[in-house]
Amino acid sequence: MINVKRRKNESFESLMRRFRKQVQMSGNSLQVKKVQHRRAQKSENVERASTLIRLKRKSVLEHYQKIGKVAPKK
């Protein structure tokens, strides 16, 4: 936890500048950036189920392309 107290006759801008500098020096912002876009790993059963659904959709699309209901991708 970063704690910054306002000094006597200190402007708000300089207080914010000191706070930002301490946050940057602490390394918390780098850790937040690393975790920000991290995806949680799915369980094996959920991953397997999504794979089966994707394969089923792909086979249905290929079938429709063969019989001419859907135009094939270029």
PDB file of N, CA and C in Angstrom:
ATOM      1  N   MET A   1       0.848  -1.174   0.000  1.00  0.00           N
ATOM      2  CA  MET A   1       0.000   0.000   0.000  1.00  0.00           C
ATOM      3  C   MET A   1       0.889   1.230   0.000  1.00  0.00           C
ATOM      4  N   ILE A   2       0.631   2.104  -0.921  1.00  0.00           N
ATOM      5  CA  ILE A   2       1.419   3.321  -1.041  1.00  0.00           C
ATOM      6  C   ILE A   2       0.705   4.421  -0.275  1.00  0.00           C
ATOM      7  N   ASN A   3       1.460   5.098   0.560  1.00  0.00           N
ATOM      8  CA  ASN A   3       0.889   6.149   1.387  1.00  0.00           C
ATOM      9  C   ASN A   3       1.645   7.443   1.110  1.00  0.00           C
ATOM     10  N   VAL A   4       0.916   8.469   0.622  1.00  0.00           N
ATOM     11  CA  VAL A   4       1.517   9.757   0.322  1.00  0.00           C
ATOM     12  C   VAL A   4       0.713  10.816   1.066  1.00  0.00           C
ATOM     13  N   LYS A   5       1.395  11.607   1.887  1.00  0.00           N
ATOM     14  CA  LYS A   5       0.729  12.685   2.617  1.00  0.00           C
ATOM     15  C   LYS A   5       1.094  14.018   1.983  1.00  0.00           C
ATOM     16  N   ARG A   6       0.124  14.882   1.988  1.00  0.00           N
ATOM     17  CA  ARG A   6       0.328  16.198   1.391  1.00  0.00           C
ATOM     18  C   ARG A   6       1.224  17.044   2.283  1.00  0.00           C
ATOM     19  N   ARG A   7       2.233  17.641   1.673  1.00  0.00           N
ATOM     20  CA  ARG A   7       3.141  18.519   2.408  1.00  0.00           C
ATOM     21  C   ARG A   7       2.522  19.901   2.551  1.00  0.00           C
ATOM     22  N   LYS A   8       3.090  20.654   3.442  1.00  0.00           N
ATOM     23  CA  LYS A   8       2.585  21.998   3.667  1.00  0.00           C
ATOM     24  C   LYS A   8       2.834  22.851   2.423  1.00  0.00           C
ATOM     25  N   ASN A   9       1.801  23.566   1.981  1.00  0.00           N
ATOM     26  CA  ASN A   9       1.847  24.440   0.802  1.00  0.00           C
ATOM     27  C   ASN A   9       2.192  23.679  -0.488  1.00  0.00           C
ATOM     28  N   GLU A  10       1.822  22.408  -0.571  1.00  0.00           N
ATOM     29  CA  GLU A  10       2.087  21.618  -1.778  1.00  0.00           C
ATOM     30  C   GLU A  10       0.843  21.617  -2.661  1.00  0.00           C
ATOM     31  N   SER A  11       1.030  21.818  -3.937  1.00  0.00           N
ATOM     32  CA  SER A  11      -0.107  21.814  -4.849  1.00  0.00           C
ATOM     33  C   SER A  11      -0.570  20.377  -5.097  1.00  0.00           C
ATOM     34  N   PHE A  12      -1.782  20.269  -5.583  1.00  0.00           N
ATOM     35  CA  PHE A  12      -2.349  18.955  -5.869  1.00  0.00           C
ATOM     36  C   PHE A  12      -1.579  18.257  -6.987  1.00  0.00           C
ATOM     37  N   GLU A  13      -1.142  19.016  -7.972  1.00  0.00           N
ATOM     38  CA  GLU A  13      -0.399  18.432  -9.092  1.00  0.00           C
ATOM     39  C   GLU A  13       0.918  17.807  -8.642  1.00  0.00           C
ATOM     40  N   SER A  14       1.630  18.502  -7.753  1.00  0.00           N
ATOM     41  CA  SER A  14       2.903  17.936  -7.280  1.00  0.00           C
ATOM     42  C   SER A  14       2.658  16.722  -6.385  1.00  0.00           C
ATOM     43  N   LEU A  15       1.557  16.741  -5.627  1.00  0.00           N
ATOM     44  CA  LEU A  15       1.202  15.573  -4.815  1.00  0.00           C
ATOM     45  C   LEU A  15       0.918  14.377  -5.720  1.00  0.00           C
ATOM     46  N   MET A  16       0.165  14.596  -6.781  1.00  0.00           N
ATOM     47  CA  MET A  16      -0.129  13.506  -7.718  1.00  0.00           C
ATOM     48  C   MET A  16       1.136  13.015  -8.418  1.00  0.00           C
ATOM     49  N   ARG A  17       2.040  13.938  -8.733  1.00  0.00           N
ATOM     50  CA  ARG A  17       3.302  13.564  -9.373  1.00  0.00           C
ATOM     51  C   ARG A  17       4.109  12.643  -8.450  1.00  0.00           C
ATOM     52  N   ARG A  18       4.174  13.000  -7.162  1.00  0.00           N
ATOM     53  CA  ARG A  18       4.901  12.151  -6.208  1.00  0.00           C
ATOM     54  C   ARG A  18       4.226  10.786  -6.066  1.00  0.00           C
ATOM     55  N   PHE A  19       2.907  10.792  -6.027  1.00  0.00           N
ATOM     56  CA  PHE A  19       2.178   9.527  -5.905  1.00  0.00           C
ATOM     57  C   PHE A  19       2.441   8.627  -7.113  1.00  0.00           C
ATOM     58  N   ARG A  20       2.336   9.180  -8.321  1.00  0.00           N
ATOM     59  CA  ARG A  20       2.577   8.387  -9.533  1.00  0.00           C
ATOM     60  C   ARG A  20       3.993   7.834  -9.568  1.00  0.00           C
ATOM     61  N   LYS A  21       4.943   8.640  -9.134  1.00  0.00           N
ATOM     62  CA  LYS A  21       6.339   8.196  -9.128  1.00  0.00           C
ATOM     63  C   LYS A  21       6.520   7.028  -8.161  1.00  0.00           C
ATOM     64  N   GLN A  22       5.881   7.104  -6.985  1.00  0.00           N
ATOM     65  CA  GLN A  22       6.004   6.006  -6.018  1.00  0.00           C
ATOM     66  C   GLN A  22       5.315   4.743  -6.528  1.00  0.00           C
ATOM     67  N   VAL A  23       4.190   4.908  -7.206  1.00  0.00           N
ATOM     68  CA  VAL A  23       3.503   3.750  -7.781  1.00  0.00           C
ATOM     69  C   VAL A  23       4.391   3.105  -8.836  1.00  0.00           C
ATOM     70  N   GLN A  24       5.018   3.921  -9.661  1.00  0.00           N
ATOM     71  CA  GLN A  24       5.887   3.394 -10.708  1.00  0.00           C
ATOM     72  C   GLN A  24       7.107   2.695 -10.112  1.00  0.00           C
ATOM     73  N   MET A  25       7.667   3.265  -9.060  1.00  0.00           N
ATOM     74  CA  MET A  25       8.848   2.674  -8.434  1.00  0.00           C
ATOM     75  C   MET A  25       8.513   1.364  -7.723  1.00  0.00           C
ATOM     76  N   SER A  26       7.283   1.229  -7.234  1.00  0.00           N
ATOM     77  CA  SER A  26       6.913   0.021  -6.499  1.00  0.00           C
ATOM     78  C   SER A  26       6.765  -1.189  -7.410  1.00  0.00           C
ATOM     79  N   GLY A  27       6.459  -0.974  -8.686  1.00  0.00           N
ATOM     80  CA  GLY A  27       6.306  -2.084  -9.621  1.00  0.00           C
ATOM     81  C   GLY A  27       4.901  -2.643  -9.648  1.00  0.00           C
ATOM     82  N   ASN A  28       3.971  -2.055  -8.924  1.00  0.00           N
ATOM     83  CA  ASN A  28       2.602  -2.552  -8.920  1.00  0.00           C
ATOM     84  C   ASN A  28       1.939  -2.397 -10.280  1.00  0.00           C
ATOM     85  N   SER A  29       2.243  -1.330 -10.983  1.00  0.00           N
ATOM     86  CA  SER A  29       1.606  -1.107 -12.284  1.00  0.00           C
ATOM     87  C   SER A  29       2.034  -2.182 -13.282  1.00  0.00           C
ATOM     88  N   LEU A  30       3.272  -2.653 -13.217  1.00  0.00           N
ATOM     89  CA  LEU A  30       3.723  -3.714 -14.121  1.00  0.00           C
ATOM     90  C   LEU A  30       2.991  -5.011 -13.822  1.00  0.00           C
ATOM     91  N   GLN A  31       2.795  -5.295 -12.548  1.00  0.00           N
ATOM     92  CA  GLN A  31       2.097  -6.522 -12.169  1.00  0.00           C
ATOM     93  C   GLN A  31       0.638  -6.469 -12.613  1.00  0.00           C
ATOM     94  N   VAL A  32       0.017  -5.320 -12.485  1.00  0.00           N
ATOM     95  CA  VAL A  32      -1.373  -5.166 -12.917  1.00  0.00           C
ATOM     96  C   VAL A  32      -1.478  -5.362 -14.419  1.00  0.00           C
ATOM     97  N   LYS A  33      -0.539  -4.832 -15.179  1.00  0.00           N
ATOM     98  CA  LYS A  33      -0.564  -4.984 -16.629  1.00  0.00           C
ATOM     99  C   LYS A  33      -0.402  -6.446 -17.039  1.00  0.00           C
ATOM    100  N   LYS A  34       0.409  -7.194 -16.291  1.00  0.00           N
ATOM    101  CA  LYS A  34       0.593  -8.608 -16.609  1.00  0.00           C
ATOM    102  C   LYS A  34      -0.689  -9.397 -16.371  1.00  0.00           C
ATOM    103  N   VAL A  35      -1.375  -9.085 -15.292  1.00  0.00           N
ATOM    104  CA  VAL A  35      -2.555  -9.842 -14.897  1.00  0.00           C
ATOM    105  C   VAL A  35      -3.802  -9.370 -15.637  1.00  0.00           C
ATOM    106  N   GLN A  36      -3.766  -8.184 -16.176  1.00  0.00           N
ATOM    107  CA  GLN A  36      -4.948  -7.556 -16.755  1.00  0.00           C
ATOM    108  C   GLN A  36      -5.569  -8.386 -17.882  1.00  0.00           C
ATOM    109  N   HIS A  37      -4.772  -8.932 -18.770  1.00  0.00           N
ATOM    110  CA  HIS A  37      -5.294  -9.652 -19.923  1.00  0.00           C
ATOM    111  C   HIS A  37      -5.096 -11.162 -19.805  1.00  0.00           C
ATOM    112  N   ARG A  38      -4.862 -11.634 -18.612  1.00  0.00           N
ATOM    113  CA  ARG A  38      -4.633 -13.052 -18.413  1.00  0.00           C
ATOM    114  C   ARG A  38      -5.962 -13.791 -18.424  1.00  0.00           C
ATOM    115  N   ARG A  39      -6.008 -14.901 -19.106  1.00  0.00           N
ATOM    116  CA  ARG A  39      -7.215 -15.720 -19.149  1.00  0.00           C
ATOM    117  C   ARG A  39      -7.062 -16.883 -18.178  1.00  0.00           C
ATOM    118  N   ALA A  40      -8.130 -17.183 -17.508  1.00  0.00           N
ATOM    119  CA  ALA A  40      -8.122 -18.337 -16.601  1.00  0.00           C
ATOM    120  C   ALA A  40      -8.157 -19.613 -17.433  1.00  0.00           C
ATOM    121  N   GLN A  41      -7.434 -20.621 -16.999  1.00  0.00           N
ATOM    122  CA  GLN A  41      -7.417 -21.878 -17.729  1.00  0.00           C
ATOM    123  C   GLN A  41      -8.736 -22.609 -17.513  1.00  0.00           C
ATOM    124  N   LYS A  42      -9.225 -23.210 -18.586  1.00  0.00           N
ATOM    125  CA  LYS A  42     -10.457 -23.971 -18.496  1.00  0.00           C
ATOM    126  C   LYS A  42     -10.139 -25.382 -18.022  1.00  0.00           C
ATOM    127  N   SER A  43     -11.113 -26.015 -17.395  1.00  0.00           N
ATOM    128  CA  SER A  43     -10.916 -27.394 -16.967  1.00  0.00           C
ATOM    129  C   SER A  43     -10.883 -28.292 -18.208  1.00  0.00           C
ATOM    130  N   GLU A  44     -10.398 -29.501 -18.034  1.00  0.00           N
ATOM    131  CA  GLU A  44     -10.260 -30.408 -19.170  1.00  0.00           C
ATOM    132  C   GLU A  44     -11.619 -30.745 -19.775  1.00  0.00           C
ATOM    133  N   ASN A  45     -12.630 -30.921 -18.930  1.00  0.00           N
ATOM    134  CA  ASN A  45     -13.961 -31.276 -19.445  1.00  0.00           C
ATOM    135  C   ASN A  45     -14.568 -30.134 -20.251  1.00  0.00           C
ATOM    136  N   VAL A  46     -14.399 -28.909 -19.797  1.00  0.00           N
ATOM    137  CA  VAL A  46     -14.933 -27.751 -20.518  1.00  0.00           C
ATOM    138  C   VAL A  46     -14.197 -27.595 -21.839  1.00  0.00           C
ATOM    139  N   GLU A  47     -12.901 -27.765 -21.820  1.00  0.00           N
ATOM    140  CA  GLU A  47     -12.098 -27.658 -23.050  1.00  0.00           C
ATOM    141  C   GLU A  47     -12.496 -28.744 -24.049  1.00  0.00           C
ATOM    142  N   ARG A  48     -12.692 -29.955 -23.560  1.00  0.00           N
ATOM    143  CA  ARG A  48     -13.082 -31.072 -24.419  1.00  0.00           C
ATOM    144  C   ARG A  48     -14.468 -30.821 -25.024  1.00  0.00           C
ATOM    145  N   ALA A  49     -15.394 -30.325 -24.217  1.00  0.00           N
ATOM    146  CA  ALA A  49     -16.745 -30.061 -24.707  1.00  0.00           C
ATOM    147  C   ALA A  49     -16.734 -28.974 -25.779  1.00  0.00           C
ATOM    148  N   SER A  50     -15.974 -27.914 -25.568  1.00  0.00           N
ATOM    149  CA  SER A  50     -15.921 -26.848 -26.562  1.00  0.00           C
ATOM    150  C   SER A  50     -15.263 -27.335 -27.854  1.00  0.00           C
ATOM    151  N   THR A  51     -14.287 -28.217 -27.743  1.00  0.00           N
ATOM    152  CA  THR A  51     -13.642 -28.779 -28.929  1.00  0.00           C
ATOM    153  C   THR A  51     -14.629 -29.637 -29.721  1.00  0.00           C
ATOM    154  N   LEU A  52     -15.421 -30.432 -29.016  1.00  0.00           N
ATOM    155  CA  LEU A  52     -16.409 -31.267 -29.696  1.00  0.00           C
ATOM    156  C   LEU A  52     -17.464 -30.423 -30.404  1.00  0.00           C
ATOM    157  N   ILE A  53     -17.892 -29.351 -29.759  1.00  0.00           N
ATOM    158  CA  ILE A  53     -18.877 -28.452 -30.376  1.00  0.00           C
ATOM    159  C   ILE A  53     -18.298 -27.816 -31.631  1.00  0.00           C
ATOM    160  N   ARG A  54     -17.052 -27.360 -31.548  1.00  0.00           N
ATOM    161  CA  ARG A  54     -16.402 -26.731 -32.696  1.00  0.00           C
ATOM    162  C   ARG A  54     -16.264 -27.720 -33.865  1.00  0.00           C
ATOM    163  N   LEU A  55     -15.881 -28.964 -33.562  1.00  0.00           N
ATOM    164  CA  LEU A  55     -15.739 -29.970 -34.612  1.00  0.00           C
ATOM    165  C   LEU A  55     -17.086 -30.308 -35.238  1.00  0.00           C
ATOM    166  N   LYS A  56     -18.134 -30.352 -34.421  1.00  0.00           N
ATOM    167  CA  LYS A  56     -19.469 -30.640 -34.932  1.00  0.00           C
ATOM    168  C   LYS A  56     -19.922 -29.531 -35.880  1.00  0.00           C
ATOM    169  N   ARG A  57     -19.719 -28.274 -35.483  1.00  0.00           N
ATOM    170  CA  ARG A  57     -20.090 -27.144 -36.343  1.00  0.00           C
ATOM    171  C   ARG A  57     -19.322 -27.179 -37.662  1.00  0.00           C
ATOM    172  N   LYS A  58     -18.030 -27.534 -37.572  1.00  0.00           N
ATOM    173  CA  LYS A  58     -17.197 -27.588 -38.769  1.00  0.00           C
ATOM    174  C   LYS A  58     -17.697 -28.669 -39.725  1.00  0.00           C
ATOM    175  N   SER A  59     -18.063 -29.825 -39.199  1.00  0.00           N
ATOM    176  CA  SER A  59     -18.542 -30.901 -40.062  1.00  0.00           C
ATOM    177  C   SER A  59     -19.885 -30.546 -40.701  1.00  0.00           C
ATOM    178  N   VAL A  60     -20.766 -29.857 -39.957  1.00  0.00           N
ATOM    179  CA  VAL A  60     -22.055 -29.436 -40.513  1.00  0.00           C
ATOM    180  C   VAL A  60     -21.819 -28.423 -41.631  1.00  0.00           C
ATOM    181  N   LEU A  61     -20.914 -27.472 -41.421  1.00  0.00           N
ATOM    182  CA  LEU A  61     -20.609 -26.476 -42.449  1.00  0.00           C
ATOM    183  C   LEU A  61     -20.037 -27.134 -43.700  1.00  0.00           C
ATOM    184  N   GLU A  62     -19.146 -28.095 -43.516  1.00  0.00           N
ATOM    185  CA  GLU A  62     -18.577 -28.802 -44.667  1.00  0.00           C
ATOM    186  C   GLU A  62     -19.659 -29.562 -45.423  1.00  0.00           C
ATOM    187  N   HIS A  63     -20.598 -30.155 -44.701  1.00  0.00           N
ATOM    188  CA  HIS A  63     -21.698 -30.880 -45.339  1.00  0.00           C
ATOM    189  C   HIS A  63     -22.551 -29.927 -46.175  1.00  0.00           C
ATOM    190  N   TYR A  64     -22.878 -28.752 -45.599  1.00  0.00           N
ATOM    191  CA  TYR A  64     -23.666 -27.766 -46.334  1.00  0.00           C
ATOM    192  C   TYR A  64     -22.918 -27.250 -47.559  1.00  0.00           C
ATOM    193  N   GLN A  65     -21.608 -27.135 -47.472  1.00  0.00           N
ATOM    194  CA  GLN A  65     -20.825 -26.693 -48.617  1.00  0.00           C
ATOM    195  C   GLN A  65     -20.851 -27.760 -49.726  1.00  0.00           C
ATOM    196  N   LYS A  66     -20.812 -29.036 -49.332  1.00  0.00           N
ATOM    197  CA  LYS A  66     -20.821 -30.104 -50.328  1.00  0.00           C
ATOM    198  C   LYS A  66     -22.156 -30.188 -51.064  1.00  0.00           C
ATOM    199  N   ILE A  67     -23.244 -29.962 -50.349  1.00  0.00           N
ATOM    200  CA  ILE A  67     -24.544 -30.068 -51.014  1.00  0.00           C
ATOM    201  C   ILE A  67     -24.966 -28.751 -51.657  1.00  0.00           C
ATOM    202  N   GLY A  68     -24.191 -27.682 -51.465  1.00  0.00           N
ATOM    203  CA  GLY A  68     -24.415 -26.431 -52.177  1.00  0.00           C
ATOM    204  C   GLY A  68     -25.297 -25.430 -51.467  1.00  0.00           C
ATOM    205  N   LYS A  69     -25.603 -25.634 -50.195  1.00  0.00           N
ATOM    206  CA  LYS A  69     -26.431 -24.666 -49.463  1.00  0.00           C
ATOM    207  C   LYS A  69     -25.627 -23.444 -49.014  1.00  0.00           C
ATOM    208  N   VAL A  70     -24.315 -23.634 -48.852  1.00  0.00           N
ATOM    209  CA  VAL A  70     -23.435 -22.536 -48.419  1.00  0.00           C
ATOM    210  C   VAL A  70     -22.295 -22.453 -49.413  1.00  0.00           C
ATOM    211  N   ALA A  71     -21.961 -21.228 -49.800  1.00  0.00           N
ATOM    212  CA  ALA A  71     -20.843 -21.040 -50.720  1.00  0.00           C
ATOM    213  C   ALA A  71     -19.532 -21.325 -49.976  1.00  0.00           C
ATOM    214  N   PRO A  72     -18.606 -22.036 -50.602  1.00  0.00           N
ATOM    215  CA  PRO A  72     -17.323 -22.332 -49.944  1.00  0.00           C
ATOM    216  C   PRO A  72     -16.496 -21.063 -49.766  1.00  0.00           C
ATOM    217  N   LYS A  73     -15.694 -21.069 -48.709  1.00  0.00           N
ATOM    218  CA  LYS A  73     -14.812 -19.918 -48.452  1.00  0.00           C
ATOM    219  C   LYS A  73     -13.689 -19.888 -49.477  1.00  0.00           C
ATOM    220  N   LYS A  74     -13.242 -18.681 -49.777  1.00  0.00           N
ATOM    221  CA  LYS A  74     -12.147 -18.536 -50.746  1.00  0.00           C
ATOM    222  C   LYS A  74     -10.820 -18.708 -50.082  1.00  0.00           C
TER     223      LYS A  74
END
